[in-house]
Each structure stands twice: as C-alpha cells, then as structure tokens.
Amino acid sequence: MMWAVWWVWIVAGFALGVLEVLAPGYIFVGFAIGAVVVGAGLGLGLLGGSLPFLLLVFAVASLVAWLVLRRVLGVRKGQVRLWDRDIND
C-alpha cells in the first residue's frame, strides 16, 4: 500500500521535476505537478481510497497542469531562427 502514503507521491513528484530539468521540454512537469497534488491531497486527508481512484486523480491533475502550462508558456513555433536578410543591410 505504498500508493496510499502521501510522501511517496511527493517524492515521485520531485523526482519527475528533476527529470524535467535533465530533459527539458515541458514533458514531465505536468506529471510532477499531478503527483504533488495527489500527495498533498493524501497528506491533508482530502483524498483516499484505492489505487485506481488515486491514478485517476493523478491523471486528471496532470492533464490540467499540462494544459494550463501549455496555455501560459505557449507553444514553441520552432527553435531554429531563419534569417531572411543580412544584419549589415
């Protein structure tokens, strides 16, 4: 029953946050926020129950966090800058 322990979710969230720093691209940050939300809910006594319910809360919280971050931070149009004129012109 490790999934019912609040600090396990918090540690998993921080581990996913570290993974996001090592592999940037806003991929793992939504999952990290979702895990911290579930851990905080368990720690405060707001959540409880079975593993499928906790995974559902984790999935929904991760999706909402990812969508909000995508809206706030925006979508990258491209990383390569194409110059159509010379700066000396």
C-alpha atoms as a PDB file:
ATOM      1  CA  MET A   1       0.000   0.000   0.000  1.00  0.00           C
ATOM      2  CA  MET A   2       2.793   2.409  -0.833  1.00  0.00           C
ATOM      3  CA  TRP A   3       0.423   4.325  -3.105  1.00  0.00           C
ATOM      4  CA  ALA A   4      -1.598   5.437  -0.073  1.00  0.00           C
ATOM      5  CA  VAL A   5       1.381   7.135   1.600  1.00  0.00           C
ATOM      6  CA  TRP A   6       1.459  10.867   0.918  1.00  0.00           C
ATOM      7  CA  TRP A   7       5.227  11.338   0.951  1.00  0.00           C
ATOM      8  CA  VAL A   8       5.733   8.692  -1.731  1.00  0.00           C
ATOM      9  CA  TRP A   9       3.691  10.824  -4.146  1.00  0.00           C
ATOM     10  CA  ILE A  10       5.593  13.971  -3.135  1.00  0.00           C
ATOM     11  CA  VAL A  11       8.973  12.268  -3.666  1.00  0.00           C
ATOM     12  CA  ALA A  12       7.773  10.941  -7.031  1.00  0.00           C
ATOM     13  CA  GLY A  13       6.703  14.477  -7.973  1.00  0.00           C
ATOM     14  CA  PHE A  14      10.099  15.909  -7.099  1.00  0.00           C
ATOM     15  CA  ALA A  15      11.836  13.071  -8.970  1.00  0.00           C
ATOM     16  CA  LEU A  16       9.768  13.886 -12.045  1.00  0.00           C
ATOM     17  CA  GLY A  17      10.680  17.548 -11.583  1.00  0.00           C
ATOM     18  CA  VAL A  18      14.373  16.637 -11.582  1.00  0.00           C
ATOM     19  CA  LEU A  19      13.787  14.538 -14.683  1.00  0.00           C
ATOM     20  CA  GLU A  20      12.200  17.583 -16.330  1.00  0.00           C
ATOM     21  CA  VAL A  21      15.323  19.622 -15.582  1.00  0.00           C
ATOM     22  CA  LEU A  22      17.504  16.918 -17.132  1.00  0.00           C
ATOM     23  CA  ALA A  23      15.265  16.506 -20.195  1.00  0.00           C
ATOM     24  CA  PRO A  24      13.597  19.879 -20.739  1.00  0.00           C
ATOM     25  CA  GLY A  25      10.602  20.233 -22.972  1.00  0.00           C
ATOM     26  CA  TYR A  26       7.631  20.538 -20.609  1.00  0.00           C
ATOM     27  CA  ILE A  27       7.040  16.791 -20.761  1.00  0.00           C
ATOM     28  CA  PHE A  28       7.407  15.663 -17.165  1.00  0.00           C
ATOM     29  CA  VAL A  29       6.390  18.851 -15.367  1.00  0.00           C
ATOM     30  CA  GLY A  30       2.662  18.083 -15.713  1.00  0.00           C
ATOM     31  CA  PHE A  31       3.200  14.648 -14.216  1.00  0.00           C
ATOM     32  CA  ALA A  32       5.290  16.167 -11.420  1.00  0.00           C
ATOM     33  CA  ILE A  33       2.535  18.628 -10.534  1.00  0.00           C
ATOM     34  CA  GLY A  34      -0.057  15.835 -10.669  1.00  0.00           C
ATOM     35  CA  ALA A  35       1.963  13.683  -8.276  1.00  0.00           C
ATOM     36  CA  VAL A  36       2.448  16.572  -5.843  1.00  0.00           C
ATOM     37  CA  VAL A  37      -1.299  17.335  -5.981  1.00  0.00           C
ATOM     38  CA  VAL A  38      -2.134  13.719  -5.124  1.00  0.00           C
ATOM     39  CA  GLY A  39       0.474  13.706  -2.348  1.00  0.00           C
ATOM     40  CA  ALA A  40      -0.894  16.938  -0.910  1.00  0.00           C
ATOM     41  CA  GLY A  41      -4.438  15.580  -1.107  1.00  0.00           C
ATOM     42  CA  LEU A  42      -3.436  12.446   0.735  1.00  0.00           C
ATOM     43  CA  GLY A  43      -1.437  14.383   3.316  1.00  0.00           C
ATOM     44  CA  LEU A  44      -4.295  16.763   4.042  1.00  0.00           C
ATOM     45  CA  GLY A  45      -6.810  13.935   4.214  1.00  0.00           C
ATOM     46  CA  LEU A  46      -8.776  15.129   1.183  1.00  0.00           C
ATOM     47  CA  LEU A  47      -8.054  12.006  -0.841  1.00  0.00           C
ATOM     48  CA  GLY A  48      -8.065   8.372  -0.013  1.00  0.00           C
ATOM     49  CA  GLY A  49      -9.197   5.148  -1.442  1.00  0.00           C
ATOM     50  CA  SER A  50      -7.971   2.643  -3.921  1.00  0.00           C
ATOM     51  CA  LEU A  51      -5.145   2.785  -6.395  1.00  0.00           C
ATOM     52  CA  PRO A  52      -7.433   3.245  -9.437  1.00  0.00           C
ATOM     53  CA  PHE A  53      -9.033   6.318  -7.837  1.00  0.00           C
ATOM     54  CA  LEU A  54      -5.639   7.832  -6.994  1.00  0.00           C
ATOM     55  CA  LEU A  55      -4.383   7.146 -10.510  1.00  0.00           C
ATOM     56  CA  LEU A  56      -7.486   8.834 -11.921  1.00  0.00           C
ATOM     57  CA  VAL A  57      -6.881  11.918  -9.766  1.00  0.00           C
ATOM     58  CA  PHE A  58      -3.216  11.860 -10.796  1.00  0.00           C
ATOM     59  CA  ALA A  59      -4.116  11.651 -14.488  1.00  0.00           C
ATOM     60  CA  VAL A  60      -6.683  14.445 -14.311  1.00  0.00           C
ATOM     61  CA  ALA A  61      -4.416  16.717 -12.254  1.00  0.00           C
ATOM     62  CA  SER A  62      -1.502  16.052 -14.633  1.00  0.00           C
ATOM     63  CA  LEU A  63      -3.624  16.819 -17.681  1.00  0.00           C
ATOM     64  CA  VAL A  64      -4.991  20.031 -16.191  1.00  0.00           C
ATOM     65  CA  ALA A  65      -1.499  21.128 -15.125  1.00  0.00           C
ATOM     66  CA  TRP A  66      -0.097  20.381 -18.579  1.00  0.00           C
ATOM     67  CA  LEU A  67      -2.902  22.286 -20.314  1.00  0.00           C
ATOM     68  CA  VAL A  68      -2.502  25.297 -18.022  1.00  0.00           C
ATOM     69  CA  LEU A  69       1.267  25.346 -18.505  1.00  0.00           C
ATOM     70  CA  ARG A  70       0.830  24.985 -22.250  1.00  0.00           C
ATOM     71  CA  ARG A  71      -1.544  27.945 -22.231  1.00  0.00           C
ATOM     72  CA  VAL A  72       0.697  30.102 -20.028  1.00  0.00           C
ATOM     73  CA  LEU A  73       4.075  29.206 -21.508  1.00  0.00           C
ATOM     74  CA  GLY A  74       2.869  28.847 -25.071  1.00  0.00           C
ATOM     75  CA  VAL A  75       3.804  26.558 -27.888  1.00  0.00           C
ATOM     76  CA  ARG A  76       7.211  26.838 -29.459  1.00  0.00           C
ATOM     77  CA  LYS A  77       6.997  27.694 -33.128  1.00  0.00           C
ATOM     78  CA  GLY A  78      10.480  26.396 -33.790  1.00  0.00           C
ATOM     79  CA  GLN A  79      13.900  26.558 -32.285  1.00  0.00           C
ATOM     80  CA  VAL A  80      15.850  27.444 -35.401  1.00  0.00           C
ATOM     81  CA  ARG A  81      15.823  31.085 -36.396  1.00  0.00           C
ATOM     82  CA  LEU A  82      15.885  31.596 -40.149  1.00  0.00           C
ATOM     83  CA  TRP A  83      17.353  34.904 -41.257  1.00  0.00           C
ATOM     84  CA  ASP A  84      15.864  36.312 -44.428  1.00  0.00           C
ATOM     85  CA  ARG A  85      18.134  39.367 -44.547  1.00  0.00           C
ATOM     86  CA  ASP A  86      21.655  40.251 -43.541  1.00  0.00           C
ATOM     87  CA  ILE A  87      22.093  42.360 -40.408  1.00  0.00           C
ATOM     88  CA  ASN A  88      24.533  44.586 -42.295  1.00  0.00           C
ATOM     89  CA  ASP A  89      21.946  45.656 -44.879  1.00  0.00           C
END
